[in-house]
Amino acid sequence: MKTSIKYILKNVFILTVLLSVISCSTESTTSFSEDDIKVSLRDVGHHLLLINKDSTSVVKPVVAIDKFKYQLAFENSLAIHPDSLVNQIKTSFKKLDLSQYYLVEVVQCEAQEVAYSYQMNENVEKGIVPCRGRQLKEACYFVTVRFTETSEPNQTDSKLLYLLGVAVLLLLAFIIYKRRSKVPLNENDGNFSVIGLFKFYPEQNKLVRQATEINLSKKECELLALFVERPNQIIKRDELSKKVWEDQGVIVGRSLDTYISKLRKILKDDDSIKLSNIHGVGYKLEVKK
């Protein structure tokens, strides 16, 4: 029993550590800061200008339009080739391990119309308009990037992992409790005597039959201990009274008969033992061999 409990607790500890590692690794691979995003977008803008052979104009400060949407703008007009834009954003985002789920739009400054857009779902492009091979002629453009998947869903996943871990711990604790209550004693729990189908533990005031535990009162235990020491022998009433009551300075009346009756009720389900009354003499614990 002790070995099995140690084994379960060991596995509980291992499971807890694994859940912590998984949740931490999930957060670290998906979380990113606004500063990282701005640095990456400025890197994109820098390379787009170099493709246009423009090494003098500047990339305007990246603006956060809302929580997950950012705008990249330029000082001068430029031509944008979709292939270059797609590849450069992918490359720059990978440098800082940013999310690979985002929507990109190239917007004309004056008309505020989307000249080109695409969505990236973990390195898989979707919904490109127009075709990637067509270059956008030189004009004033700004680029917006909206992240379609952030660290928040993964934080939810982490919470679910923690809840799963807690549920597993509670389940294992319940199993341990049930096993301990179902099989409270075994042969290594101390000295015991076998009485029919029962195991008698005098030091713990208990009788155990299979998985059923019966708590005895102190007097019931003392009486039963006397009978167990001398099975199939008559023990006189005076001797039982003296050892259980009078030696402790207690005057006994009908107490002996009352406790004998209680023991009979406890032992009645086992046909191999019987607590008999020897009229006028005493009692005998009859044990079939």
C-alpha atoms as a PDB file:
ATOM      1  CA  MET A   1       0.000   0.000   0.000  1.00  0.00           C
ATOM      2  CA  LYS A   2       2.772   2.448   0.965  1.00  0.00           C
ATOM      3  CA  THR A   3       4.662   1.550  -2.191  1.00  0.00           C
ATOM      4  CA  SER A   4       1.641   2.205  -4.397  1.00  0.00           C
ATOM      5  CA  ILE A   5       1.015   5.572  -2.745  1.00  0.00           C
ATOM      6  CA  LYS A   6       4.648   6.581  -3.274  1.00  0.00           C
ATOM      7  CA  TYR A   7       4.374   5.502  -6.907  1.00  0.00           C
ATOM      8  CA  ILE A   8       1.205   7.575  -7.415  1.00  0.00           C
ATOM      9  CA  LEU A   9       2.708  10.637  -5.719  1.00  0.00           C
ATOM     10  CA  LYS A  10       5.835  10.309  -7.856  1.00  0.00           C
ATOM     11  CA  ASN A  11       3.737  10.295 -11.021  1.00  0.00           C
ATOM     12  CA  VAL A  12       1.675  13.232  -9.762  1.00  0.00           C
ATOM     13  CA  PHE A  13       4.885  15.226  -9.319  1.00  0.00           C
ATOM     14  CA  ILE A  14       6.136  14.304 -12.803  1.00  0.00           C
ATOM     15  CA  LEU A  15       2.763  15.240 -14.341  1.00  0.00           C
ATOM     16  CA  THR A  16       2.776  18.615 -12.565  1.00  0.00           C
ATOM     17  CA  VAL A  17       6.278  19.414 -13.831  1.00  0.00           C
ATOM     18  CA  LEU A  18       5.346  18.423 -17.388  1.00  0.00           C
ATOM     19  CA  LEU A  19       2.215  20.575 -17.336  1.00  0.00           C
ATOM     20  CA  SER A  20       4.258  23.535 -16.103  1.00  0.00           C
ATOM     21  CA  VAL A  21       6.873  23.049 -18.824  1.00  0.00           C
ATOM     22  CA  ILE A  22       4.244  22.724 -21.546  1.00  0.00           C
ATOM     23  CA  SER A  23       2.341  25.816 -20.431  1.00  0.00           C
ATOM     24  CA  CYS A  24       5.513  27.889 -20.105  1.00  0.00           C
ATOM     25  CA  SER A  25       6.820  26.800 -23.494  1.00  0.00           C
ATOM     26  CA  THR A  26       3.433  27.586 -25.077  1.00  0.00           C
ATOM     27  CA  GLU A  27       3.476  31.122 -23.730  1.00  0.00           C
ATOM     28  CA  SER A  28       7.108  31.777 -24.689  1.00  0.00           C
ATOM     29  CA  THR A  29       6.657  30.713 -28.324  1.00  0.00           C
ATOM     30  CA  THR A  30       3.540  32.826 -28.951  1.00  0.00           C
ATOM     31  CA  SER A  31       3.989  35.933 -26.829  1.00  0.00           C
ATOM     32  CA  PHE A  32       5.566  39.022 -28.382  1.00  0.00           C
ATOM     33  CA  SER A  33       5.861  42.686 -27.514  1.00  0.00           C
ATOM     34  CA  GLU A  34       4.745  45.783 -29.378  1.00  0.00           C
ATOM     35  CA  ASP A  35       8.374  46.928 -29.590  1.00  0.00           C
ATOM     36  CA  ASP A  36       9.309  43.695 -31.398  1.00  0.00           C
ATOM     37  CA  ILE A  37       6.537  44.262 -33.924  1.00  0.00           C
ATOM     38  CA  LYS A  38       7.597  47.841 -34.608  1.00  0.00           C
ATOM     39  CA  VAL A  39      11.241  46.832 -35.041  1.00  0.00           C
ATOM     40  CA  SER A  40      10.261  44.097 -37.502  1.00  0.00           C
ATOM     41  CA  LEU A  41       8.021  46.404 -39.549  1.00  0.00           C
ATOM     42  CA  ARG A  42      10.723  49.066 -39.744  1.00  0.00           C
ATOM     43  CA  ASP A  43      13.051  46.347 -40.991  1.00  0.00           C
ATOM     44  CA  VAL A  44      10.461  45.506 -43.676  1.00  0.00           C
ATOM     45  CA  GLY A  45      10.203  49.169 -44.670  1.00  0.00           C
ATOM     46  CA  HIS A  46      13.984  49.544 -44.855  1.00  0.00           C
ATOM     47  CA  HIS A  47      14.319  46.605 -47.269  1.00  0.00           C
ATOM     48  CA  LEU A  48      11.402  47.796 -49.416  1.00  0.00           C
ATOM     49  CA  LEU A  49      13.175  51.139 -49.860  1.00  0.00           C
ATOM     50  CA  LEU A  50      16.431  49.384 -50.743  1.00  0.00           C
ATOM     51  CA  ILE A  51      14.592  47.345 -53.398  1.00  0.00           C
ATOM     52  CA  ASN A  52      13.466  50.714 -54.827  1.00  0.00           C
ATOM     53  CA  LYS A  53      17.131  51.822 -54.725  1.00  0.00           C
ATOM     54  CA  ASP A  54      16.191  54.471 -52.196  1.00  0.00           C
ATOM     55  CA  SER A  55      18.815  54.845 -49.492  1.00  0.00           C
ATOM     56  CA  THR A  56      18.069  58.406 -48.434  1.00  0.00           C
ATOM     57  CA  SER A  57      14.374  58.675 -47.523  1.00  0.00           C
ATOM     58  CA  VAL A  58      13.163  57.421 -44.172  1.00  0.00           C
ATOM     59  CA  VAL A  59      10.578  54.995 -42.889  1.00  0.00           C
ATOM     60  CA  LYS A  60       8.016  56.841 -40.794  1.00  0.00           C
ATOM     61  CA  PRO A  61       7.419  55.705 -37.191  1.00  0.00           C
ATOM     62  CA  VAL A  62       5.300  52.569 -37.014  1.00  0.00           C
ATOM     63  CA  VAL A  63       1.871  53.367 -35.539  1.00  0.00           C
ATOM     64  CA  ALA A  64      -0.311  51.016 -33.482  1.00  0.00           C
ATOM     65  CA  ILE A  65      -3.805  51.536 -34.910  1.00  0.00           C
ATOM     66  CA  ASP A  66      -5.420  49.207 -32.341  1.00  0.00           C
ATOM     67  CA  LYS A  67      -4.371  46.371 -30.083  1.00  0.00           C
ATOM     68  CA  PHE A  68      -3.228  44.005 -32.849  1.00  0.00           C
ATOM     69  CA  LYS A  69      -3.041  46.245 -35.924  1.00  0.00           C
ATOM     70  CA  TYR A  70      -0.014  48.301 -36.981  1.00  0.00           C
ATOM     71  CA  GLN A  71       0.723  50.743 -39.817  1.00  0.00           C
ATOM     72  CA  LEU A  72       3.968  51.133 -41.774  1.00  0.00           C
ATOM     73  CA  ALA A  73       4.307  54.360 -43.801  1.00  0.00           C
ATOM     74  CA  PHE A  74       7.023  55.968 -45.946  1.00  0.00           C
ATOM     75  CA  GLU A  75       8.356  59.472 -46.512  1.00  0.00           C
ATOM     76  CA  ASN A  76       8.350  59.189 -50.323  1.00  0.00           C
ATOM     77  CA  SER A  77       6.465  57.264 -52.980  1.00  0.00           C
ATOM     78  CA  LEU A  78       7.660  53.773 -53.868  1.00  0.00           C
ATOM     79  CA  ALA A  79       6.804  50.782 -56.023  1.00  0.00           C
ATOM     80  CA  ILE A  80       5.854  47.578 -54.217  1.00  0.00           C
ATOM     81  CA  HIS A  81       6.328  44.123 -55.642  1.00  0.00           C
ATOM     82  CA  PRO A  82       4.014  41.621 -53.865  1.00  0.00           C
ATOM     83  CA  ASP A  83       6.615  38.821 -53.903  1.00  0.00           C
ATOM     84  CA  SER A  84       9.189  41.032 -52.198  1.00  0.00           C
ATOM     85  CA  LEU A  85       6.649  42.249 -49.623  1.00  0.00           C
ATOM     86  CA  VAL A  86       5.495  38.718 -48.724  1.00  0.00           C
ATOM     87  CA  ASN A  87       9.018  37.344 -48.419  1.00  0.00           C
ATOM     88  CA  GLN A  88      10.395  40.307 -46.489  1.00  0.00           C
ATOM     89  CA  ILE A  89       7.596  40.337 -43.912  1.00  0.00           C
ATOM     90  CA  LYS A  90       7.971  36.599 -43.401  1.00  0.00           C
ATOM     91  CA  THR A  91      11.741  36.935 -42.982  1.00  0.00           C
ATOM     92  CA  SER A  92      11.595  39.922 -40.622  1.00  0.00           C
ATOM     93  CA  PHE A  93       8.893  38.359 -38.436  1.00  0.00           C
ATOM     94  CA  LYS A  94      10.837  35.126 -38.103  1.00  0.00           C
ATOM     95  CA  LYS A  95      13.900  37.006 -36.842  1.00  0.00           C
ATOM     96  CA  LEU A  96      12.014  38.006 -33.680  1.00  0.00           C
ATOM     97  CA  ASP A  97       9.808  34.911 -33.567  1.00  0.00           C
ATOM     98  CA  LEU A  98       6.574  36.840 -34.127  1.00  0.00           C
ATOM     99  CA  SER A  99       3.214  35.241 -34.817  1.00  0.00           C
ATOM    100  CA  GLN A 100       2.843  33.670 -38.259  1.00  0.00           C
ATOM    101  CA  TYR A 101      -0.889  34.458 -38.354  1.00  0.00           C
ATOM    102  CA  TYR A 102      -1.558  37.902 -39.807  1.00  0.00           C
ATOM    103  CA  LEU A 103      -3.384  39.935 -42.480  1.00  0.00           C
ATOM    104  CA  VAL A 104      -1.413  42.390 -44.632  1.00  0.00           C
ATOM    105  CA  GLU A 105      -2.966  45.239 -46.641  1.00  0.00           C
ATOM    106  CA  VAL A 106      -1.226  47.721 -48.958  1.00  0.00           C
ATOM    107  CA  VAL A 107      -3.372  50.877 -49.015  1.00  0.00           C
ATOM    108  CA  GLN A 108      -3.161  53.836 -51.422  1.00  0.00           C
ATOM    109  CA  CYS A 109      -2.650  57.013 -49.420  1.00  0.00           C
ATOM    110  CA  GLU A 110      -4.984  59.333 -51.350  1.00  0.00           C
ATOM    111  CA  ALA A 111      -7.842  57.012 -52.319  1.00  0.00           C
ATOM    112  CA  GLN A 112      -7.602  54.955 -49.126  1.00  0.00           C
ATOM    113  CA  GLU A 113      -8.223  51.884 -51.249  1.00  0.00           C
ATOM    114  CA  VAL A 114      -6.603  48.483 -50.723  1.00  0.00           C
ATOM    115  CA  ALA A 115      -4.268  47.896 -53.641  1.00  0.00           C
ATOM    116  CA  TYR A 116      -3.032  44.515 -52.452  1.00  0.00           C
ATOM    117  CA  SER A 117      -3.726  42.191 -49.513  1.00  0.00           C
ATOM    118  CA  TYR A 118      -3.048  38.689 -48.304  1.00  0.00           C
ATOM    119  CA  GLN A 119      -3.468  36.608 -45.188  1.00  0.00           C
ATOM    120  CA  MET A 120      -0.818  34.351 -43.710  1.00  0.00           C
ATOM    121  CA  ASN A 121      -1.786  31.299 -41.638  1.00  0.00           C
ATOM    122  CA  GLU A 122       1.445  29.817 -40.308  1.00  0.00           C
ATOM    123  CA  ASN A 123       3.488  30.183 -43.511  1.00  0.00           C
ATOM    124  CA  VAL A 124       0.490  29.437 -45.768  1.00  0.00           C
ATOM    125  CA  GLU A 125      -0.701  32.426 -47.823  1.00  0.00           C
ATOM    126  CA  LYS A 126      -4.426  32.869 -48.467  1.00  0.00           C
ATOM    127  CA  GLY A 127      -6.602  35.290 -50.412  1.00  0.00           C
ATOM    128  CA  ILE A 128      -4.057  37.266 -52.422  1.00  0.00           C
ATOM    129  CA  VAL A 129      -5.507  40.166 -54.463  1.00  0.00           C
ATOM    130  CA  PRO A 130      -4.278  40.840 -57.133  1.00  0.00           C
ATOM    131  CA  CYS A 131      -1.855  38.176 -58.414  1.00  0.00           C
ATOM    132  CA  ARG A 132       1.530  38.151 -56.740  1.00  0.00           C
ATOM    133  CA  GLY A 133       3.471  38.606 -59.982  1.00  0.00           C
ATOM    134  CA  ARG A 134       2.049  42.077 -60.685  1.00  0.00           C
ATOM    135  CA  GLN A 135       4.035  45.010 -59.296  1.00  0.00           C
ATOM    136  CA  LEU A 136       2.254  48.012 -57.779  1.00  0.00           C
ATOM    137  CA  LYS A 137       3.445  51.095 -59.644  1.00  0.00           C
ATOM    138  CA  GLU A 138       5.229  53.856 -57.793  1.00  0.00           C
ATOM    139  CA  ALA A 139       2.835  55.821 -55.594  1.00  0.00           C
ATOM    140  CA  CYS A 140       2.177  56.753 -51.984  1.00  0.00           C
ATOM    141  CA  TYR A 141       1.352  53.626 -50.003  1.00  0.00           C
ATOM    142  CA  PHE A 142       1.155  52.548 -46.398  1.00  0.00           C
ATOM    143  CA  VAL A 143       1.128  48.954 -45.189  1.00  0.00           C
ATOM    144  CA  THR A 144      -1.053  47.660 -42.350  1.00  0.00           C
ATOM    145  CA  VAL A 145      -0.503  44.385 -40.544  1.00  0.00           C
ATOM    146  CA  ARG A 146      -3.180  42.908 -38.290  1.00  0.00           C
ATOM    147  CA  PHE A 147      -2.301  39.831 -36.241  1.00  0.00           C
ATOM    148  CA  THR A 148      -5.131  37.332 -36.471  1.00  0.00           C
ATOM    149  CA  GLU A 149      -3.815  35.032 -33.745  1.00  0.00           C
ATOM    150  CA  THR A 150      -2.054  36.314 -30.644  1.00  0.00           C
ATOM    151  CA  SER A 151      -0.779  34.960 -27.365  1.00  0.00           C
ATOM    152  CA  GLU A 152      -4.202  35.318 -25.704  1.00  0.00           C
ATOM    153  CA  PRO A 153      -5.645  32.023 -27.050  1.00  0.00           C
ATOM    154  CA  ASN A 154      -2.483  30.266 -25.935  1.00  0.00           C
ATOM    155  CA  GLN A 155      -2.803  31.767 -22.485  1.00  0.00           C
ATOM    156  CA  THR A 156      -6.262  30.243 -22.422  1.00  0.00           C
ATOM    157  CA  ASP A 157      -4.714  26.929 -23.421  1.00  0.00           C
ATOM    158  CA  SER A 158      -2.271  27.289 -20.540  1.00  0.00           C
ATOM    159  CA  LYS A 159      -5.132  27.877 -18.129  1.00  0.00           C
ATOM    160  CA  LEU A 160      -6.814  24.748 -19.445  1.00  0.00           C
ATOM    161  CA  LEU A 161      -3.600  22.811 -18.897  1.00  0.00           C
ATOM    162  CA  TYR A 162      -3.431  24.034 -15.306  1.00  0.00           C
ATOM    163  CA  LEU A 163      -7.073  23.116 -14.735  1.00  0.00           C
ATOM    164  CA  LEU A 164      -6.395  19.678 -16.204  1.00  0.00           C
ATOM    165  CA  GLY A 165      -3.450  19.282 -13.871  1.00  0.00           C
ATOM    166  CA  VAL A 166      -5.532  20.256 -10.842  1.00  0.00           C
ATOM    167  CA  ALA A 167      -8.276  17.828 -11.909  1.00  0.00           C
ATOM    168  CA  VAL A 168      -5.753  15.001 -12.218  1.00  0.00           C
ATOM    169  CA  LEU A 169      -4.284  15.808  -8.795  1.00  0.00           C
ATOM    170  CA  LEU A 170      -7.741  15.799  -7.207  1.00  0.00           C
ATOM    171  CA  LEU A 171      -8.578  12.510  -8.900  1.00  0.00           C
ATOM    172  CA  LEU A 172      -5.388  10.858  -7.671  1.00  0.00           C
ATOM    173  CA  ALA A 173      -5.947  12.216  -4.167  1.00  0.00           C
ATOM    174  CA  PHE A 174      -9.471  10.760  -4.212  1.00  0.00           C
ATOM    175  CA  ILE A 175      -8.140   7.360  -5.378  1.00  0.00           C
ATOM    176  CA  ILE A 176      -5.561   7.348  -2.572  1.00  0.00           C
ATOM    177  CA  TYR A 177      -8.227   8.252  -0.021  1.00  0.00           C
ATOM    178  CA  LYS A 178     -10.593   5.520  -1.232  1.00  0.00           C
ATOM    179  CA  ARG A 179      -7.852   2.889  -1.213  1.00  0.00           C
ATOM    180  CA  ARG A 180      -6.751   3.804   2.270  1.00  0.00           C
ATOM    181  CA  SER A 181     -10.314   3.773   3.621  1.00  0.00           C
ATOM    182  CA  LYS A 182     -11.212   0.573   1.778  1.00  0.00           C
ATOM    183  CA  VAL A 183      -8.200  -1.412   2.958  1.00  0.00           C
ATOM    184  CA  PRO A 184      -7.271   0.272   6.212  1.00  0.00           C
ATOM    185  CA  LEU A 185      -5.064  -2.469   7.635  1.00  0.00           C
ATOM    186  CA  ASN A 186      -2.794  -5.234   6.472  1.00  0.00           C
ATOM    187  CA  GLU A 187      -0.464  -7.718   8.065  1.00  0.00           C
ATOM    188  CA  ASN A 188       2.299  -5.146   8.289  1.00  0.00           C
ATOM    189  CA  ASP A 189       0.182  -2.709  10.299  1.00  0.00           C
ATOM    190  CA  GLY A 190       1.002  -4.405  13.601  1.00  0.00           C
ATOM    191  CA  ASN A 191       0.158  -7.554  15.572  1.00  0.00           C
ATOM    192  CA  PHE A 192      -3.134  -9.223  14.811  1.00  0.00           C
ATOM    193  CA  SER A 193      -4.882 -12.486  15.510  1.00  0.00           C
ATOM    194  CA  VAL A 194      -7.051 -14.450  13.121  1.00  0.00           C
ATOM    195  CA  ILE A 195     -10.554 -15.287  14.379  1.00  0.00           C
ATOM    196  CA  GLY A 196     -12.490 -17.122  11.701  1.00  0.00           C
ATOM    197  CA  LEU A 197     -12.857 -14.678   8.861  1.00  0.00           C
ATOM    198  CA  PHE A 198     -11.793 -11.747  11.045  1.00  0.00           C
ATOM    199  CA  LYS A 199      -8.446 -10.187  11.810  1.00  0.00           C
ATOM    200  CA  PHE A 200      -8.307  -8.792  15.325  1.00  0.00           C
ATOM    201  CA  TYR A 201      -5.993  -5.843  16.052  1.00  0.00           C
ATOM    202  CA  PRO A 202      -6.065  -5.411  19.847  1.00  0.00           C
ATOM    203  CA  GLU A 203      -3.632  -2.489  19.844  1.00  0.00           C
ATOM    204  CA  GLN A 204      -5.900  -0.545  17.520  1.00  0.00           C
ATOM    205  CA  ASN A 205      -9.277  -1.691  18.909  1.00  0.00           C
ATOM    206  CA  LYS A 206     -10.313  -3.001  15.495  1.00  0.00           C
ATOM    207  CA  LEU A 207     -11.747  -6.013  13.778  1.00  0.00           C
ATOM    208  CA  VAL A 208     -11.315  -6.356  10.022  1.00  0.00           C
ATOM    209  CA  ARG A 209     -13.223  -8.689   7.767  1.00  0.00           C
ATOM    210  CA  GLN A 210     -12.132  -8.510   4.142  1.00  0.00           C
ATOM    211  CA  ALA A 211     -12.407  -4.784   3.326  1.00  0.00           C
ATOM    212  CA  THR A 212     -14.774  -3.984   6.210  1.00  0.00           C
ATOM    213  CA  GLU A 213     -13.363  -2.308   9.297  1.00  0.00           C
ATOM    214  CA  ILE A 214     -15.187  -2.500  12.655  1.00  0.00           C
ATOM    215  CA  ASN A 215     -14.213  -0.161  15.455  1.00  0.00           C
ATOM    216  CA  LEU A 216     -14.438  -1.648  18.941  1.00  0.00           C
ATOM    217  CA  SER A 217     -14.857   0.084  22.261  1.00  0.00           C
ATOM    218  CA  LYS A 218     -12.043  -0.322  24.776  1.00  0.00           C
ATOM    219  CA  LYS A 219     -14.019  -2.819  26.872  1.00  0.00           C
ATOM    220  CA  GLU A 220     -15.104  -4.822  23.817  1.00  0.00           C
ATOM    221  CA  CYS A 221     -11.495  -5.000  22.723  1.00  0.00           C
ATOM    222  CA  GLU A 222     -10.248  -6.105  26.170  1.00  0.00           C
ATOM    223  CA  LEU A 223     -12.880  -8.847  26.405  1.00  0.00           C
ATOM    224  CA  LEU A 224     -12.219 -10.124  22.908  1.00  0.00           C
ATOM    225  CA  ALA A 225      -8.466 -10.156  23.581  1.00  0.00           C
ATOM    226  CA  LEU A 226      -9.045 -12.503  26.544  1.00  0.00           C
ATOM    227  CA  PHE A 227     -11.111 -14.887  24.411  1.00  0.00           C
ATOM    228  CA  VAL A 228      -8.568 -14.826  21.576  1.00  0.00           C
ATOM    229  CA  GLU A 229      -5.788 -15.805  23.983  1.00  0.00           C
ATOM    230  CA  ARG A 230      -7.753 -18.905  24.999  1.00  0.00           C
ATOM    231  CA  PRO A 231      -9.933 -20.071  22.099  1.00  0.00           C
ATOM    232  CA  ASN A 232     -12.316 -22.973  22.770  1.00  0.00           C
ATOM    233  CA  GLN A 233     -11.720 -22.630  26.515  1.00  0.00           C
ATOM    234  CA  ILE A 234     -14.220 -21.632  29.160  1.00  0.00           C
ATOM    235  CA  ILE A 235     -13.376 -18.396  30.906  1.00  0.00           C
ATOM    236  CA  LYS A 236     -15.227 -17.838  34.155  1.00  0.00           C
ATOM    237  CA  ARG A 237     -17.358 -14.764  34.665  1.00  0.00           C
ATOM    238  CA  ASP A 238     -15.380 -13.751  37.741  1.00  0.00           C
ATOM    239  CA  GLU A 239     -12.119 -13.811  35.806  1.00  0.00           C
ATOM    240  CA  LEU A 240     -13.530 -11.717  32.960  1.00  0.00           C
ATOM    241  CA  SER A 241     -15.049  -9.206  35.370  1.00  0.00           C
ATOM    242  CA  LYS A 242     -11.897  -8.934  37.431  1.00  0.00           C
ATOM    243  CA  LYS A 243      -9.526  -8.385  34.507  1.00  0.00           C
ATOM    244  CA  VAL A 244     -11.701  -5.964  32.544  1.00  0.00           C
ATOM    245  CA  TRP A 245     -13.406  -4.032  35.343  1.00  0.00           C
ATOM    246  CA  GLU A 246     -12.414  -4.752  38.949  1.00  0.00           C
ATOM    247  CA  ASP A 247      -8.638  -4.461  38.354  1.00  0.00           C
ATOM    248  CA  GLN A 248      -9.326  -0.918  37.186  1.00  0.00           C
ATOM    249  CA  GLY A 249     -11.221  -0.073  40.368  1.00  0.00           C
ATOM    250  CA  VAL A 250     -14.667  -0.352  38.770  1.00  0.00           C
ATOM    251  CA  ILE A 251     -17.551  -2.301  40.283  1.00  0.00           C
ATOM    252  CA  VAL A 252     -19.321  -4.288  37.582  1.00  0.00           C
ATOM    253  CA  GLY A 253     -22.971  -5.284  37.601  1.00  0.00           C
ATOM    254  CA  ARG A 254     -24.624  -6.369  34.334  1.00  0.00           C
ATOM    255  CA  SER A 255     -21.912  -4.731  32.243  1.00  0.00           C
ATOM    256  CA  LEU A 256     -20.254  -8.051  31.345  1.00  0.00           C
ATOM    257  CA  ASP A 257     -23.437  -9.490  29.852  1.00  0.00           C
ATOM    258  CA  THR A 258     -24.057  -6.264  27.917  1.00  0.00           C
ATOM    259  CA  TYR A 259     -20.628  -6.287  26.297  1.00  0.00           C
ATOM    260  CA  ILE A 260     -20.779 -10.016  25.569  1.00  0.00           C
ATOM    261  CA  SER A 261     -24.061  -9.380  23.759  1.00  0.00           C
ATOM    262  CA  LYS A 262     -22.421  -6.613  21.678  1.00  0.00           C
ATOM    263  CA  LEU A 263     -19.556  -8.902  20.686  1.00  0.00           C
ATOM    264  CA  ARG A 264     -22.012 -11.622  19.648  1.00  0.00           C
ATOM    265  CA  LYS A 265     -23.744  -9.193  17.279  1.00  0.00           C
ATOM    266  CA  ILE A 266     -20.432  -8.192  15.744  1.00  0.00           C
ATOM    267  CA  LEU A 267     -19.301 -11.801  15.216  1.00  0.00           C
ATOM    268  CA  LYS A 268     -22.655 -13.298  14.205  1.00  0.00           C
ATOM    269  CA  ASP A 269     -22.000 -13.109  10.425  1.00  0.00           C
ATOM    270  CA  ASP A 270     -19.145 -15.607  10.694  1.00  0.00           C
ATOM    271  CA  ASP A 271     -20.431 -19.184  11.154  1.00  0.00           C
ATOM    272  CA  SER A 272     -16.965 -20.477  12.020  1.00  0.00           C
ATOM    273  CA  ILE A 273     -16.878 -18.696  15.381  1.00  0.00           C
ATOM    274  CA  LYS A 274     -19.365 -18.478  18.211  1.00  0.00           C
ATOM    275  CA  LEU A 275     -19.333 -16.770  21.591  1.00  0.00           C
ATOM    276  CA  SER A 276     -21.190 -19.248  23.838  1.00  0.00           C
ATOM    277  CA  ASN A 277     -22.636 -18.829  27.291  1.00  0.00           C
ATOM    278  CA  ILE A 278     -21.730 -21.683  29.627  1.00  0.00           C
ATOM    279  CA  HIS A 279     -24.597 -21.448  32.101  1.00  0.00           C
ATOM    280  CA  GLY A 280     -23.513 -20.740  35.644  1.00  0.00           C
ATOM    281  CA  VAL A 281     -19.819 -20.769  34.749  1.00  0.00           C
ATOM    282  CA  GLY A 282     -18.789 -18.227  32.137  1.00  0.00           C
ATOM    283  CA  TYR A 283     -18.232 -17.881  28.392  1.00  0.00           C
ATOM    284  CA  LYS A 284     -16.279 -19.613  25.629  1.00  0.00           C
ATOM    285  CA  LEU A 285     -15.141 -18.475  22.188  1.00  0.00           C
ATOM    286  CA  GLU A 286     -15.764 -21.504  19.985  1.00  0.00           C
ATOM    287  CA  VAL A 287     -13.555 -21.487  16.889  1.00  0.00           C
ATOM    288  CA  LYS A 288     -13.957 -24.187  14.238  1.00  0.00           C
ATOM    289  CA  LYS A 289     -10.666 -25.569  13.030  1.00  0.00           C
END
